[in-house]
């Protein structure tokens, strides 16, 4: 965190990294795992010297350039899900891809709703959201970026991060969006409860409404959400700003973001 004109900057992002095999659900690893090839200053000497038609000795310090090659999902690391991720249509119109979402959505007033009381596999209800807002004496409106805090980010780098977290219910998502909010974020890897727990619940109930329920609320609403936020425990509950501009991936269902909170110095934790 650094002070900038009276504001403290808080990093709200987790990195895109090569995961350990034990972190991921084997059935999802192929689509979620990032592959990063790191090339250092010596690795690229042949490339650079061949390109410039020079010898290694001609290069500054005998060095090329450092670079990386990355193969990763658009949903790796902290990222913004576009409406197109949830369904082909949103609110009765063709769903926006990430490059078509308005920039004004991605800078706004931050609101943190503390749901750390929720256990893995439990869902946040509309009543839970209403109670937290009442406790804060706060009314949501357009321009707010609502962050749901579970503290799941504290297990980042372990299997618990992927498989042991709460989630939002469809009714909670609709309750928030009905206020005019366009961005909701969570500090867990998924908007819903873990897939394994959804599968168990469906096996018992055969209730199809619980399948990806929080995501599928986006079929009715034109909005975006952020997954894999971090450090929400370092923020006040209101009175700060968030910037979460997504990378402009052409016609993509999501885009990586380096989400940052701007917290007044007097209000930081």
Protein backbone atom coordinates (compact mmCIF):
# COMPACT_ATOMS: atom_id res chain seq x y z
CA UNK A 1 0.00 0.00 0.00
CA UNK A 2 1.24 3.46 -0.86
CA UNK A 3 -0.10 6.91 -0.16
CA UNK A 4 -1.24 8.87 -3.23
CA UNK A 5 -2.74 12.33 -2.74
CA UNK A 6 -4.44 11.33 0.50
CA UNK A 7 -5.39 7.86 -0.70
CA UNK A 8 -3.91 4.51 0.21
CA UNK A 9 -3.79 1.97 -2.64
CA UNK A 10 -4.84 -1.57 -1.74
CA UNK A 11 -4.18 -4.40 -4.19
CA UNK A 12 -7.35 -6.48 -4.54
CA UNK A 13 -5.91 -9.04 -6.96
CA UNK A 14 -4.38 -12.50 -6.91
CA UNK A 15 -1.75 -13.37 -9.52
CA UNK A 16 -1.95 -15.55 -12.59
CA UNK A 17 0.48 -18.31 -11.70
CA UNK A 18 1.36 -21.92 -12.39
CA UNK A 19 -0.73 -23.85 -9.84
CA UNK A 20 0.48 -26.84 -7.89
CA UNK A 21 -1.25 -30.05 -9.05
CA UNK A 22 -2.85 -30.54 -5.65
CA UNK A 23 -4.58 -27.16 -5.85
CA UNK A 24 -7.04 -27.98 -8.60
CA UNK A 25 -9.97 -30.30 -9.04
CA UNK A 26 -8.59 -32.82 -11.60
CA UNK A 27 -11.75 -32.56 -13.72
CA UNK A 28 -11.27 -28.80 -14.12
CA UNK A 29 -7.47 -28.53 -14.14
CA UNK A 30 -7.14 -28.53 -17.93
CA UNK A 31 -9.36 -25.47 -18.29
CA UNK A 32 -8.20 -23.55 -15.22
CA UNK A 33 -4.45 -24.15 -14.96
CA UNK A 34 -2.11 -21.52 -16.38
CA UNK A 35 1.07 -22.46 -18.20
CA UNK A 36 3.85 -19.88 -18.09
CA UNK A 37 7.19 -20.29 -19.87
CA UNK A 38 9.77 -17.92 -18.40
CA UNK A 39 12.58 -16.81 -20.72
CA UNK A 40 15.43 -14.93 -19.05
CA UNK A 41 18.03 -12.57 -20.54
CA UNK A 42 20.28 -15.43 -21.62
CA UNK A 43 17.49 -17.57 -23.08
CA UNK A 44 16.70 -14.91 -25.66
CA UNK A 45 20.27 -14.07 -26.72
CA UNK A 46 20.03 -16.20 -29.92
CA UNK A 47 16.72 -14.56 -30.85
CA UNK A 48 17.92 -11.02 -30.22
CA UNK A 49 21.36 -11.40 -31.82
CA UNK A 50 19.89 -13.09 -34.90
CA UNK A 51 17.28 -10.38 -35.26
CA UNK A 52 19.82 -7.52 -35.07
CA UNK A 53 22.52 -9.40 -36.96
CA UNK A 54 25.01 -8.97 -34.12
CA UNK A 55 27.10 -11.06 -31.75
CA UNK A 56 26.29 -11.73 -28.12
CA UNK A 57 29.24 -9.51 -27.23
CA UNK A 58 27.55 -6.59 -28.99
CA UNK A 59 24.52 -6.74 -26.72
CA UNK A 60 24.47 -4.71 -23.51
CA UNK A 61 26.05 -6.98 -20.90
CA UNK A 62 25.67 -9.88 -23.33
CA UNK A 63 21.98 -9.97 -22.49
CA UNK A 64 18.81 -10.34 -24.52
CA UNK A 65 15.44 -9.50 -23.06
CA UNK A 66 13.33 -11.25 -20.45
CA UNK A 67 9.89 -12.34 -21.59
CA UNK A 68 7.20 -14.88 -20.87
CA UNK A 69 4.87 -17.03 -22.94
CA UNK A 70 1.51 -17.63 -21.30
CA UNK A 71 -1.26 -20.12 -22.02
CA UNK A 72 -4.14 -19.32 -19.69
CA UNK A 73 -7.89 -19.08 -19.48
CA UNK A 74 -9.43 -15.61 -19.63
CA UNK A 75 -10.79 -16.61 -16.21
CA UNK A 76 -7.33 -17.10 -14.66
CA UNK A 77 -6.27 -14.84 -11.80
CA UNK A 78 -8.48 -11.94 -10.75
CA UNK A 79 -10.84 -11.36 -13.65
CA UNK A 80 -14.12 -9.79 -14.73
CA UNK A 81 -16.83 -12.05 -16.13
CA UNK A 82 -18.83 -10.50 -18.97
CA UNK A 83 -22.56 -11.22 -19.46
CA UNK A 84 -21.63 -13.42 -22.43
CA UNK A 85 -20.01 -15.85 -19.97
CA UNK A 86 -23.37 -16.67 -18.39
CA UNK A 87 -25.58 -16.99 -21.48
CA UNK A 88 -25.87 -15.89 -25.14
CA UNK A 89 -28.42 -13.24 -24.14
CA UNK A 90 -28.71 -10.85 -21.22
CA UNK A 91 -31.87 -8.93 -20.38
CA UNK A 92 -33.41 -10.07 -23.64
CA UNK A 93 -30.56 -8.70 -25.80
CA UNK A 94 -27.36 -10.29 -27.14
CA UNK A 95 -25.02 -10.59 -24.18
CA UNK A 96 -22.05 -8.23 -24.07
CA UNK A 97 -18.54 -9.60 -24.38
CA UNK A 98 -15.89 -8.09 -22.14
CA UNK A 99 -14.62 -5.64 -24.75
CA UNK A 100 -18.14 -4.22 -25.16
CA UNK A 101 -18.79 -3.46 -21.48
CA UNK A 102 -18.88 0.29 -20.64
CA UNK A 103 -15.70 1.62 -19.04
CA UNK A 104 -17.75 3.66 -16.58
CA UNK A 105 -18.80 0.46 -14.84
CA UNK A 106 -15.25 -0.26 -13.72
CA UNK A 107 -14.53 2.70 -11.48
CA UNK A 108 -16.89 3.43 -8.65
CA UNK A 109 -17.73 3.56 -4.99
CA UNK A 110 -16.67 0.44 -3.13
CA UNK A 111 -18.96 -1.37 -0.70
CA UNK A 112 -17.81 -4.42 1.27
CA UNK A 113 -20.45 -6.80 2.62
CA UNK A 114 -18.93 -9.02 5.30
CA UNK A 115 -20.18 -12.59 4.82
CA UNK A 116 -17.35 -14.30 6.69
CA UNK A 117 -19.99 -15.99 8.84
CA UNK A 118 -20.89 -18.19 5.86
CA UNK A 119 -19.37 -21.66 5.70
CA UNK A 120 -18.21 -23.62 2.68
CA UNK A 121 -21.14 -24.64 0.50
CA UNK A 122 -23.55 -22.18 2.12
CA UNK A 123 -25.17 -19.47 0.03
CA UNK A 124 -25.70 -15.79 0.76
CA UNK A 125 -29.39 -14.92 0.69
CA UNK A 126 -31.12 -11.65 -0.19
CA UNK A 127 -31.96 -11.31 3.48
CA UNK A 128 -28.26 -11.64 4.38
CA UNK A 129 -27.46 -8.79 1.99
CA UNK A 130 -30.28 -6.64 3.31
CA UNK A 131 -29.18 -7.18 6.92
CA UNK A 132 -25.60 -6.15 6.18
CA UNK A 133 -26.74 -3.04 4.35
CA UNK A 134 -29.05 -2.14 7.24
CA UNK A 135 -26.16 -2.57 9.66
CA UNK A 136 -24.12 -0.17 7.52
CA UNK A 137 -27.08 2.19 7.09
CA UNK A 138 -26.24 2.16 3.40
CA UNK A 139 -28.44 2.13 0.29
CA UNK A 140 -26.94 0.65 -2.88
CA UNK A 141 -27.15 2.61 -6.14
CA UNK A 142 -25.76 2.81 -9.65
CA UNK A 143 -21.99 3.34 -9.56
CA UNK A 144 -21.42 1.12 -6.53
CA UNK A 145 -19.04 -1.82 -6.84
CA UNK A 146 -20.23 -4.38 -4.31
CA UNK A 147 -17.63 -6.75 -2.86
CA UNK A 148 -18.68 -9.90 -1.00
CA UNK A 149 -16.11 -10.79 1.64
CA UNK A 150 -15.62 -14.41 2.67
CA UNK A 151 -11.81 -14.22 3.26
CA UNK A 152 -11.39 -17.16 0.88
CA UNK A 153 -8.29 -15.44 -0.53
CA UNK A 154 -6.43 -16.44 2.64
CA UNK A 155 -6.33 -20.03 1.30
CA UNK A 156 -5.03 -19.05 -2.16
CA UNK A 157 -2.51 -21.62 -3.36
CA UNK A 158 -4.24 -24.57 -1.68
CA UNK A 159 -7.03 -26.97 -2.65
CA UNK A 160 -9.28 -25.31 -0.06
CA UNK A 161 -9.29 -22.16 -2.18
CA UNK A 162 -11.00 -23.99 -5.02
CA UNK A 163 -13.14 -26.45 -3.11
CA UNK A 164 -14.12 -24.82 0.20
CA UNK A 165 -15.95 -21.51 -0.10
CA UNK A 166 -19.47 -20.07 0.17
CA UNK A 167 -21.36 -18.62 -2.78
CA UNK A 168 -24.12 -16.22 -3.72
CA UNK A 169 -27.69 -17.32 -4.27
CA UNK A 170 -29.54 -16.17 -7.37
CA UNK A 171 -31.92 -14.17 -5.17
CA UNK A 172 -29.03 -12.31 -3.54
CA UNK A 173 -27.60 -11.39 -6.94
CA UNK A 174 -30.99 -10.15 -8.14
CA UNK A 175 -31.51 -8.17 -4.93
CA UNK A 176 -28.22 -6.32 -5.47
CA UNK A 177 -28.76 -5.74 -9.18
CA UNK A 178 -32.27 -4.40 -8.68
CA UNK A 179 -30.66 -1.37 -6.97
CA UNK A 180 -28.89 -0.41 -10.20
CA UNK A 181 -25.51 -1.90 -9.33
CA UNK A 182 -23.52 -3.09 -12.37
CA UNK A 183 -20.49 -4.75 -10.72
CA UNK A 184 -20.36 -7.39 -7.96
CA UNK A 185 -17.11 -8.97 -6.79
CA UNK A 186 -16.19 -11.93 -4.61
CA UNK A 187 -12.91 -12.97 -2.98
CA UNK A 188 -13.48 -16.60 -3.96
CA UNK A 189 -12.65 -18.40 -7.23
CA UNK A 190 -16.32 -18.76 -8.12
CA UNK A 191 -19.49 -16.70 -7.84
CA UNK A 192 -21.38 -19.86 -6.90
CA UNK A 193 -20.53 -22.49 -4.31
CA UNK A 194 -17.89 -25.03 -5.44
CA UNK A 195 -19.00 -27.23 -8.34
CA UNK A 196 -18.54 -30.38 -6.27
CA UNK A 197 -20.94 -29.14 -3.61
CA UNK A 198 -23.47 -28.06 -6.24
CA UNK A 199 -23.26 -31.53 -7.74
CA UNK A 200 -23.97 -33.10 -4.33
CA UNK A 201 -26.94 -30.81 -3.71
CA UNK A 202 -28.39 -31.51 -7.14
CA UNK A 203 -27.99 -35.26 -6.69
CA UNK A 204 -30.17 -35.03 -3.58
CA UNK A 205 -32.75 -32.51 -4.74
CA UNK A 206 -32.77 -32.72 -8.57
CA UNK A 207 -33.55 -28.99 -8.35
CA UNK A 208 -32.16 -27.57 -11.58
CA UNK A 209 -32.49 -23.99 -10.32
CA UNK A 210 -29.36 -24.45 -8.15
CA UNK A 211 -27.13 -25.26 -11.14
CA UNK A 212 -24.78 -22.28 -11.53
CA UNK A 213 -27.57 -20.19 -10.01
CA UNK A 214 -25.62 -17.04 -9.16
CA UNK A 215 -24.03 -16.83 -12.59
CA UNK A 216 -27.31 -17.50 -14.37
CA UNK A 217 -28.95 -14.51 -12.72
CA UNK A 218 -27.02 -12.65 -15.42
CA UNK A 219 -29.42 -14.02 -18.01
CA UNK A 220 -31.87 -11.42 -16.76
CA UNK A 221 -29.47 -8.55 -16.02
CA UNK A 222 -26.82 -6.70 -18.02
CA UNK A 223 -23.97 -6.58 -15.50
CA UNK A 224 -20.51 -8.00 -14.74
CA UNK A 225 -18.91 -9.66 -11.77
CA UNK A 226 -15.36 -10.07 -10.51
CA UNK A 227 -13.95 -13.35 -9.23
CA UNK A 228 -10.79 -13.97 -7.17
CA UNK A 229 -10.56 -10.65 -5.39
CA UNK A 230 -8.20 -10.38 -2.41
CA UNK A 231 -7.53 -8.28 0.69
CA UNK A 232 -11.12 -7.21 1.28
CA UNK A 233 -10.32 -7.46 5.00
CA UNK A 234 -7.99 -4.48 4.54
CA UNK A 235 -10.82 -2.21 3.38
CA UNK A 236 -13.41 -0.17 5.23
CA UNK A 237 -16.94 -1.23 4.43
CA UNK A 238 -17.78 2.02 2.65
CA UNK A 239 -16.14 5.35 1.82
CA UNK A 240 -13.57 4.27 -0.77
CA UNK A 241 -13.26 3.69 -4.52
CA UNK A 242 -12.38 0.72 -6.71
CA UNK A 243 -10.85 0.55 -10.18
CA UNK A 244 -11.20 -2.82 -11.93
CA UNK A 245 -10.79 -2.20 -15.66
CA UNK A 246 -10.60 -5.51 -17.55
CA UNK A 247 -8.07 -6.32 -20.27
CA UNK A 248 -9.67 -5.73 -23.67
CA UNK A 249 -9.85 -9.26 -25.06
CA UNK A 250 -11.69 -9.24 -28.36
CA UNK A 251 -15.14 -10.90 -28.12
CA UNK A 252 -14.13 -12.69 -24.91
CA UNK A 253 -16.25 -13.95 -22.03
CA UNK A 254 -13.91 -12.42 -19.44
CA UNK A 255 -10.81 -10.27 -19.01
CA UNK A 256 -8.06 -10.19 -16.41
CA UNK A 257 -7.98 -7.17 -14.11
CA UNK A 258 -5.58 -5.67 -11.58
CA UNK A 259 -8.30 -4.50 -9.21
CA UNK A 260 -7.20 -1.71 -6.86
CA UNK A 261 -8.97 0.11 -4.03
CA UNK A 262 -8.41 3.82 -3.34
CA UNK A 263 -8.91 4.21 0.39
CA UNK A 264 -8.68 7.58 2.16
CA UNK A 265 -5.62 7.48 4.41
CA UNK A 266 -7.74 8.26 7.47
CA UNK A 267 -10.10 5.37 6.67
CA UNK A 268 -7.67 2.51 6.09
CA UNK A 269 -7.53 -0.51 8.37
